[in-house]
């Protein structure tokens, strides 16, 4: 059972770069809860606990930074001038 859990978590981590996946379950443990915490930086990834946030930060960080940059570019006032 432990090996299966580890395999499932590894699979989840392989999808840590996909916004559609990280927005639906905890990227630290795969749990589905009604109340999860969004990443305070990218507002995309979800976590069920502070332990999962701490454990997954090194894995989530590159995606988080990229998503922040994409959001900033989308929200840029110059984008509205071109519409």
C-alpha atoms as a PDB file:
ATOM      1  CA  UNK A   1       0.000   0.000   0.000  1.00  0.00           C
ATOM      2  CA  UNK A   2       2.864   2.377   0.815  1.00  0.00           C
ATOM      3  CA  UNK A   3       4.481   1.760  -2.571  1.00  0.00           C
ATOM      4  CA  UNK A   4       1.185   2.455  -4.337  1.00  0.00           C
ATOM      5  CA  UNK A   5       0.756   5.702  -2.392  1.00  0.00           C
ATOM      6  CA  UNK A   6       4.289   6.802  -3.284  1.00  0.00           C
ATOM      7  CA  UNK A   7       3.674   5.962  -6.942  1.00  0.00           C
ATOM      8  CA  UNK A   8       0.428   7.960  -6.957  1.00  0.00           C
ATOM      9  CA  UNK A   9       2.145  10.961  -5.356  1.00  0.00           C
ATOM     10  CA  UNK A  10       4.962  10.784  -7.885  1.00  0.00           C
ATOM     11  CA  UNK A  11       2.420  10.787 -10.703  1.00  0.00           C
ATOM     12  CA  UNK A  12       0.688  13.794  -9.145  1.00  0.00           C
ATOM     13  CA  UNK A  13       4.015  15.627  -8.886  1.00  0.00           C
ATOM     14  CA  UNK A  14       4.634  14.964 -12.580  1.00  0.00           C
ATOM     15  CA  UNK A  15       1.489  17.010 -13.259  1.00  0.00           C
ATOM     16  CA  UNK A  16       2.524  19.850 -10.919  1.00  0.00           C
ATOM     17  CA  UNK A  17       3.085  22.022 -13.995  1.00  0.00           C
ATOM     18  CA  UNK A  18      -0.497  21.681 -15.283  1.00  0.00           C
ATOM     19  CA  UNK A  19      -2.892  24.386 -13.999  1.00  0.00           C
ATOM     20  CA  UNK A  20      -5.969  22.265 -14.712  1.00  0.00           C
ATOM     21  CA  UNK A  21      -4.677  19.513 -12.424  1.00  0.00           C
ATOM     22  CA  UNK A  22      -3.329  21.616  -9.571  1.00  0.00           C
ATOM     23  CA  UNK A  23      -6.575  23.589  -9.379  1.00  0.00           C
ATOM     24  CA  UNK A  24      -8.626  20.498  -8.518  1.00  0.00           C
ATOM     25  CA  UNK A  25      -6.680  18.667  -5.816  1.00  0.00           C
ATOM     26  CA  UNK A  26      -3.904  19.148  -3.286  1.00  0.00           C
ATOM     27  CA  UNK A  27      -0.607  18.916  -5.132  1.00  0.00           C
ATOM     28  CA  UNK A  28       1.090  17.743  -1.936  1.00  0.00           C
ATOM     29  CA  UNK A  29      -0.967  14.631  -1.287  1.00  0.00           C
ATOM     30  CA  UNK A  30      -3.682  14.422  -3.950  1.00  0.00           C
ATOM     31  CA  UNK A  31      -6.534  14.959  -1.505  1.00  0.00           C
ATOM     32  CA  UNK A  32      -9.834  16.463  -2.635  1.00  0.00           C
ATOM     33  CA  UNK A  33     -11.343  18.704   0.009  1.00  0.00           C
ATOM     34  CA  UNK A  34     -14.039  21.333  -0.104  1.00  0.00           C
ATOM     35  CA  UNK A  35     -11.740  23.794   1.629  1.00  0.00           C
ATOM     36  CA  UNK A  36      -8.245  24.017   0.327  1.00  0.00           C
ATOM     37  CA  UNK A  37      -5.769  26.859   0.398  1.00  0.00           C
ATOM     38  CA  UNK A  38      -4.694  28.468  -2.873  1.00  0.00           C
ATOM     39  CA  UNK A  39      -1.054  29.328  -3.330  1.00  0.00           C
ATOM     40  CA  UNK A  40      -0.741  32.926  -2.153  1.00  0.00           C
ATOM     41  CA  UNK A  41       1.573  33.778  -5.038  1.00  0.00           C
ATOM     42  CA  UNK A  42       0.056  32.229  -8.183  1.00  0.00           C
ATOM     43  CA  UNK A  43      -3.481  31.618  -6.875  1.00  0.00           C
ATOM     44  CA  UNK A  44      -3.625  28.463  -8.993  1.00  0.00           C
ATOM     45  CA  UNK A  45      -2.208  25.535  -7.015  1.00  0.00           C
ATOM     46  CA  UNK A  46      -4.249  24.156  -4.125  1.00  0.00           C
ATOM     47  CA  UNK A  47      -3.000  22.679  -0.866  1.00  0.00           C
ATOM     48  CA  UNK A  48      -4.860  20.942   1.957  1.00  0.00           C
ATOM     49  CA  UNK A  49      -2.361  21.790   4.702  1.00  0.00           C
ATOM     50  CA  UNK A  50       0.689  23.833   5.580  1.00  0.00           C
ATOM     51  CA  UNK A  51       2.678  20.586   5.597  1.00  0.00           C
ATOM     52  CA  UNK A  52       1.819  20.002   1.934  1.00  0.00           C
ATOM     53  CA  UNK A  53       2.719  23.600   1.080  1.00  0.00           C
ATOM     54  CA  UNK A  54       6.149  23.251   2.710  1.00  0.00           C
ATOM     55  CA  UNK A  55       6.796  19.825   1.193  1.00  0.00           C
ATOM     56  CA  UNK A  56       5.797  20.829  -2.343  1.00  0.00           C
ATOM     57  CA  UNK A  57       7.237  24.358  -2.533  1.00  0.00           C
ATOM     58  CA  UNK A  58      10.518  23.252  -4.196  1.00  0.00           C
ATOM     59  CA  UNK A  59       8.517  21.374  -6.847  1.00  0.00           C
ATOM     60  CA  UNK A  60       5.823  24.023  -7.258  1.00  0.00           C
ATOM     61  CA  UNK A  61       8.118  27.071  -7.271  1.00  0.00           C
ATOM     62  CA  UNK A  62       9.154  27.058 -10.989  1.00  0.00           C
ATOM     63  CA  UNK A  63       5.543  26.701 -12.164  1.00  0.00           C
ATOM     64  CA  UNK A  64       4.404  29.267  -9.626  1.00  0.00           C
ATOM     65  CA  UNK A  65       6.875  31.848 -10.886  1.00  0.00           C
ATOM     66  CA  UNK A  66       5.933  31.206 -14.515  1.00  0.00           C
ATOM     67  CA  UNK A  67       2.193  31.455 -13.757  1.00  0.00           C
ATOM     68  CA  UNK A  68       2.760  34.709 -11.867  1.00  0.00           C
ATOM     69  CA  UNK A  69       4.585  36.146 -14.878  1.00  0.00           C
ATOM     70  CA  UNK A  70       1.809  34.991 -17.232  1.00  0.00           C
ATOM     71  CA  UNK A  71      -0.852  36.541 -14.989  1.00  0.00           C
ATOM     72  CA  UNK A  72       1.086  39.814 -14.775  1.00  0.00           C
ATOM     73  CA  UNK A  73       1.392  39.924 -18.559  1.00  0.00           C
ATOM     74  CA  UNK A  74      -2.322  39.216 -18.976  1.00  0.00           C
ATOM     75  CA  UNK A  75      -3.266  41.883 -16.442  1.00  0.00           C
ATOM     76  CA  UNK A  76      -0.922  44.473 -17.937  1.00  0.00           C
ATOM     77  CA  UNK A  77      -2.638  47.761 -18.913  1.00  0.00           C
ATOM     78  CA  UNK A  78      -0.932  47.635 -22.314  1.00  0.00           C
ATOM     79  CA  UNK A  79      -3.015  44.544 -23.142  1.00  0.00           C
ATOM     80  CA  UNK A  80      -6.192  46.618 -22.849  1.00  0.00           C
ATOM     81  CA  UNK A  81      -4.862  49.273 -25.210  1.00  0.00           C
ATOM     82  CA  UNK A  82      -4.525  46.701 -27.998  1.00  0.00           C
ATOM     83  CA  UNK A  83      -8.140  45.525 -27.765  1.00  0.00           C
END
